[in-house]
Amino acid sequence: MPAGALTGYMDVAQMTLYAFWIFFAGLIIYLRREDKREGYPLMSERPGGEAVVGFPDMPAPKFFRMPDGSMIQSGRGDTREPRLTPSRPTPGAPYAPVGNPLVDGVGPASYAERADEPDLTLGGEPQIVPMSSVDNFFLDPRDPDPRGMLVEAADRAIVGTIDDVWIDRSDPMIRYLQVDLNEGGRVLVPVVLADIDSRLRRVKVKALIARQFADVPRTASSTQITMLEEDRITGYYGGGYLYATPARQEPLL
């Protein structure tokens, strides 16, 4: 037999090729199972709404140990029942909200069910806090100070006044503007969704009209914000770019 031959019909090169095929097939199956950790099982739109898993099966739950020793499960899934209904009776029709989409958290106003606890710094302190609650932070005098500025909604109504800013202690910057509403109460506005006009001394928030500020999700604490609250607040304002007025849901042309 020639060098490298195992039998009269097989040699080392051929066995190496077969081993690679087996490894690659196993890799594809493994990756296909792993990508089913979120979004599966699919719910069929056929009568009965049976679950569709397909091949291969769902992977076993994966758990991660957090710095505090607790365990969380990856891809826990969403336990909320979305307040949506098909816009047409045909399969594949888009869903339309049945209530207030900003409050219900659907479509662009949706949010992830993150942990209802604050994100922490390396020192174990809440990461995002009001600047009035800490002593070692200040606003650069070269930048406009939004405190005291009026807040203008998308319908040009004045809804309140900025009375504080919430800063990120790990990445020193403003994250939220705190609004003292004319109708009572305080809400946070993500600074990336606010237009600060230093000349007019106004903060323009184009995401919402005036009456929608009353339903902005609040924080349970006046000195810290949880990761879940962050997602809910950002989702509320983000959804306003589509749902704030009926005209925003219509085509441009």
Protein backbone atom coordinates (compact mmCIF):
# COMPACT_ATOMS: atom_id res chain seq x y z
CA MET A 1 0.00 0.00 0.00
CA PRO A 2 1.22 3.57 -0.65
CA ALA A 3 2.48 5.70 2.26
CA GLY A 4 -0.30 7.16 4.38
CA ALA A 5 -2.85 4.51 3.39
CA LEU A 6 -4.89 2.89 6.16
CA THR A 7 -6.52 0.26 3.95
CA GLY A 8 -6.70 -0.36 0.28
CA TYR A 9 -9.49 2.17 0.03
CA MET A 10 -8.83 4.80 2.76
CA ASP A 11 -5.89 7.02 3.65
CA VAL A 12 -5.09 9.71 6.24
CA ALA A 13 -6.11 12.62 3.96
CA GLN A 14 -9.51 11.06 3.34
CA MET A 15 -10.11 10.42 7.05
CA THR A 16 -9.09 14.03 7.82
CA LEU A 17 -11.65 15.28 5.30
CA TYR A 18 -14.39 13.13 6.86
CA ALA A 19 -13.47 14.38 10.35
CA PHE A 20 -13.70 17.99 9.14
CA TRP A 21 -17.16 17.36 7.63
CA ILE A 22 -18.39 15.86 10.90
CA PHE A 23 -16.93 18.73 12.94
CA PHE A 24 -18.44 21.37 10.64
CA ALA A 25 -21.88 19.74 10.69
CA GLY A 26 -21.74 19.65 14.51
CA LEU A 27 -20.71 23.32 14.60
CA ILE A 28 -23.66 24.35 12.43
CA ILE A 29 -26.11 22.42 14.61
CA TYR A 30 -24.60 23.93 17.77
CA LEU A 31 -24.82 27.50 16.45
CA ARG A 32 -28.35 26.90 15.16
CA ARG A 33 -29.43 25.76 18.62
CA GLU A 34 -27.74 28.70 20.33
CA ASP A 35 -29.51 31.26 18.14
CA LYS A 36 -32.84 29.90 19.41
CA ARG A 37 -32.26 31.28 22.90
CA GLU A 38 -34.31 34.37 22.05
CA GLY A 39 -37.39 34.56 19.86
CA TYR A 40 -38.21 30.84 20.04
CA PRO A 41 -40.43 28.94 20.04
CA LEU A 42 -42.17 30.78 17.23
CA MET A 43 -45.93 31.12 17.49
CA SER A 44 -47.72 30.05 14.34
CA GLU A 45 -50.44 32.30 12.96
CA ARG A 46 -52.52 29.24 12.08
CA PRO A 47 -55.65 28.55 14.15
CA GLY A 48 -54.58 27.41 17.60
CA GLY A 49 -51.27 29.28 17.52
CA GLU A 50 -49.13 26.19 18.06
CA ALA A 51 -45.46 26.64 18.84
CA VAL A 52 -42.93 26.03 16.07
CA VAL A 53 -39.45 24.94 17.13
CA GLY A 54 -38.07 23.14 14.08
CA PHE A 55 -34.73 21.35 13.89
CA PRO A 56 -32.67 21.27 16.03
CA ASP A 57 -34.44 21.41 19.39
CA MET A 58 -34.27 24.30 21.84
CA PRO A 59 -31.03 24.52 23.87
CA ALA A 60 -30.89 23.93 27.60
CA PRO A 61 -31.21 27.10 29.74
CA LYS A 62 -27.96 28.98 30.28
CA PHE A 63 -27.26 30.78 33.56
CA PHE A 64 -24.79 33.55 34.39
CA ARG A 65 -23.42 34.39 37.82
CA MET A 66 -23.62 38.12 38.60
CA PRO A 67 -21.06 40.07 40.69
CA ASP A 68 -23.36 39.91 43.72
CA GLY A 69 -23.53 36.12 43.50
CA SER A 70 -27.05 35.92 42.06
CA MET A 71 -27.83 33.87 38.97
CA ILE A 72 -29.77 35.08 35.93
CA GLN A 73 -31.05 33.02 33.03
CA SER A 74 -30.15 34.00 29.49
CA GLY A 75 -33.07 34.54 27.14
CA ARG A 76 -35.71 34.50 29.86
CA GLY A 77 -38.35 35.66 27.41
CA ASP A 78 -40.99 38.33 27.87
CA THR A 79 -43.92 37.50 30.13
CA ARG A 80 -46.02 40.50 29.08
CA GLU A 81 -49.07 40.09 26.87
CA PRO A 82 -48.68 42.66 24.05
CA ARG A 83 -51.71 44.85 23.47
CA LEU A 84 -51.70 44.42 19.71
CA THR A 85 -54.13 43.10 17.15
CA PRO A 86 -53.64 42.18 13.45
CA SER A 87 -54.62 45.08 11.23
CA ARG A 88 -56.05 42.62 8.68
CA PRO A 89 -57.36 39.05 8.94
CA THR A 90 -54.71 37.72 6.56
CA PRO A 91 -51.59 35.87 7.81
CA GLY A 92 -48.55 38.14 8.02
CA ALA A 93 -50.58 41.33 8.43
CA PRO A 94 -48.90 44.01 10.55
CA TYR A 95 -50.08 44.46 14.12
CA ALA A 96 -51.72 47.64 15.36
CA PRO A 97 -51.93 48.84 18.99
CA VAL A 98 -55.30 48.51 20.73
CA GLY A 99 -54.66 50.99 23.56
CA ASN A 100 -52.15 53.72 24.28
CA PRO A 101 -49.00 52.36 22.62
CA LEU A 102 -46.70 54.65 24.62
CA VAL A 103 -48.02 53.36 27.93
CA ASP A 104 -48.38 49.75 26.72
CA GLY A 105 -44.82 49.69 25.40
CA VAL A 106 -45.42 48.28 21.91
CA GLY A 107 -43.80 48.96 18.55
CA PRO A 108 -41.08 51.62 18.78
CA ALA A 109 -42.17 52.25 22.39
CA SER A 110 -41.25 48.71 23.42
CA TYR A 111 -38.64 48.03 26.06
CA ALA A 112 -36.72 45.10 27.50
CA GLU A 113 -37.55 43.66 30.92
CA ARG A 114 -34.17 44.46 32.41
CA ALA A 115 -33.38 44.11 36.09
CA ASP A 116 -35.35 46.53 38.27
CA GLU A 117 -32.22 47.68 40.06
CA PRO A 118 -29.73 50.48 39.34
CA ASP A 119 -26.64 49.98 37.24
CA LEU A 120 -23.61 50.28 39.52
CA THR A 121 -20.16 51.81 39.30
CA LEU A 122 -17.04 49.76 40.00
CA GLY A 123 -17.31 51.04 43.56
CA GLY A 124 -20.81 49.61 43.93
CA GLU A 125 -22.64 52.96 43.89
CA PRO A 126 -25.63 53.84 41.65
CA GLN A 127 -24.19 54.97 38.35
CA ILE A 128 -26.81 57.52 37.23
CA VAL A 129 -27.87 60.03 39.89
CA PRO A 130 -29.11 63.63 40.12
CA MET A 131 -26.20 66.06 40.12
CA SER A 132 -27.75 67.82 43.11
CA SER A 133 -27.16 64.67 45.18
CA VAL A 134 -23.37 64.57 44.66
CA ASP A 135 -20.69 67.14 45.49
CA ASN A 136 -17.83 66.32 43.11
CA PHE A 137 -19.57 67.01 39.77
CA PHE A 138 -20.32 70.27 37.98
CA LEU A 139 -21.29 71.51 34.53
CA ASP A 140 -18.61 72.94 32.29
CA PRO A 141 -19.17 76.71 32.20
CA ARG A 142 -18.47 76.66 28.46
CA ASP A 143 -21.61 74.56 27.89
CA PRO A 144 -25.19 75.81 28.34
CA ASP A 145 -26.69 75.06 31.74
CA PRO A 146 -30.19 73.68 31.08
CA ARG A 147 -31.37 74.23 34.66
CA GLY A 148 -34.07 76.88 34.74
CA MET A 149 -34.88 76.50 31.04
CA LEU A 150 -38.48 76.05 29.91
CA VAL A 151 -39.45 72.74 28.28
CA GLU A 152 -41.31 72.99 24.99
CA ALA A 153 -43.26 70.00 23.63
CA ALA A 154 -43.78 69.09 19.98
CA ASP A 155 -47.01 71.12 19.87
CA ARG A 156 -45.02 74.15 21.15
CA ALA A 157 -46.75 74.14 24.52
CA ILE A 158 -44.61 74.81 27.62
CA VAL A 159 -44.90 71.80 29.92
CA GLY A 160 -42.47 72.67 32.71
CA THR A 161 -38.99 73.73 33.75
CA ILE A 162 -35.69 71.90 34.02
CA ASP A 163 -34.78 71.83 37.70
CA ASP A 164 -31.94 69.27 37.75
CA VAL A 165 -29.72 67.11 35.57
CA TRP A 166 -28.90 63.42 36.08
CA ILE A 167 -25.28 62.55 35.44
CA ASP A 168 -23.39 59.32 34.78
CA ARG A 169 -20.65 58.86 37.35
CA SER A 170 -18.77 56.22 35.32
CA ASP A 171 -18.78 58.16 32.05
CA PRO A 172 -19.06 61.79 33.19
CA MET A 173 -21.86 63.25 31.10
CA ILE A 174 -25.51 64.27 31.39
CA ARG A 175 -27.90 61.37 30.82
CA TYR A 176 -31.28 62.87 31.74
CA LEU A 177 -32.90 66.25 32.29
CA GLN A 178 -35.33 66.45 35.18
CA VAL A 179 -38.51 68.37 34.36
CA ASP A 180 -40.72 69.96 36.99
CA LEU A 181 -44.09 69.73 35.23
CA ASN A 182 -46.58 72.61 35.33
CA GLU A 183 -49.31 70.08 36.12
CA GLY A 184 -47.34 68.67 39.05
CA GLY A 185 -44.74 65.96 39.44
CA ARG A 186 -41.32 65.42 37.91
CA VAL A 187 -40.26 63.36 34.89
CA LEU A 188 -36.96 62.61 33.21
CA VAL A 189 -36.11 63.36 29.57
CA PRO A 190 -33.19 61.55 27.90
CA VAL A 191 -30.74 64.30 27.00
CA VAL A 192 -30.11 62.75 23.56
CA LEU A 193 -33.79 63.35 22.72
CA ALA A 194 -33.78 66.98 23.83
CA ASP A 195 -32.70 70.03 21.85
CA ILE A 196 -31.17 72.65 24.18
CA ASP A 197 -31.55 76.16 22.77
CA SER A 198 -29.29 78.37 24.91
CA ARG A 199 -30.32 81.52 23.03
CA LEU A 200 -34.04 81.14 23.76
CA ARG A 201 -33.38 79.40 27.08
CA ARG A 202 -35.63 76.51 26.07
CA VAL A 203 -35.35 72.74 25.86
CA LYS A 204 -37.38 71.40 22.95
CA VAL A 205 -38.64 67.83 23.17
CA LYS A 206 -40.09 66.89 19.78
CA ALA A 207 -40.94 63.31 20.76
CA LEU A 208 -44.13 64.15 22.69
CA ILE A 209 -46.97 66.63 22.74
CA ALA A 210 -47.82 68.41 25.99
CA ARG A 211 -50.55 66.12 27.35
CA GLN A 212 -48.37 63.02 26.94
CA PHE A 213 -45.80 64.17 29.51
CA ALA A 214 -48.21 63.25 32.30
CA ASP A 215 -47.82 59.53 31.49
CA VAL A 216 -44.02 59.42 31.24
CA PRO A 217 -42.86 56.51 33.46
CA ARG A 218 -41.59 57.72 36.82
CA THR A 219 -38.70 56.46 38.89
CA ALA A 220 -39.42 54.78 42.20
CA SER A 221 -36.58 56.75 43.82
CA SER A 222 -35.74 60.42 43.54
CA THR A 223 -32.00 59.71 43.80
CA GLN A 224 -31.42 56.75 41.46
CA ILE A 225 -32.85 55.04 38.39
CA THR A 226 -33.05 51.32 37.67
CA MET A 227 -32.16 49.65 34.38
CA LEU A 228 -35.81 48.72 33.83
CA GLU A 229 -36.90 52.30 34.44
CA GLU A 230 -34.30 53.54 31.96
CA ASP A 231 -35.63 51.27 29.24
CA ARG A 232 -39.24 52.21 29.95
CA ILE A 233 -38.53 55.95 29.89
CA THR A 234 -36.44 55.79 26.72
CA GLY A 235 -39.03 53.57 25.03
CA TYR A 236 -41.82 56.02 25.90
CA TYR A 237 -40.05 58.95 24.27
CA GLY A 238 -38.81 56.87 21.34
CA GLY A 239 -42.34 55.67 20.61
CA GLY A 240 -43.53 59.25 20.50
CA TYR A 241 -41.78 59.80 17.19
CA LEU A 242 -44.39 57.48 15.66
CA TYR A 243 -47.35 57.53 18.03
CA ALA A 244 -47.44 61.09 19.45
CA THR A 245 -49.83 62.27 16.73
CA PRO A 246 -51.87 60.43 14.06
CA ALA A 247 -50.04 62.39 11.35
CA ARG A 248 -46.73 60.75 12.31
CA GLN A 249 -48.16 57.35 11.38
CA GLU A 250 -49.01 58.44 7.83
CA PRO A 251 -46.69 58.31 4.79
CA LEU A 252 -44.71 61.43 3.93
CA LEU A 253 -45.98 61.47 0.35
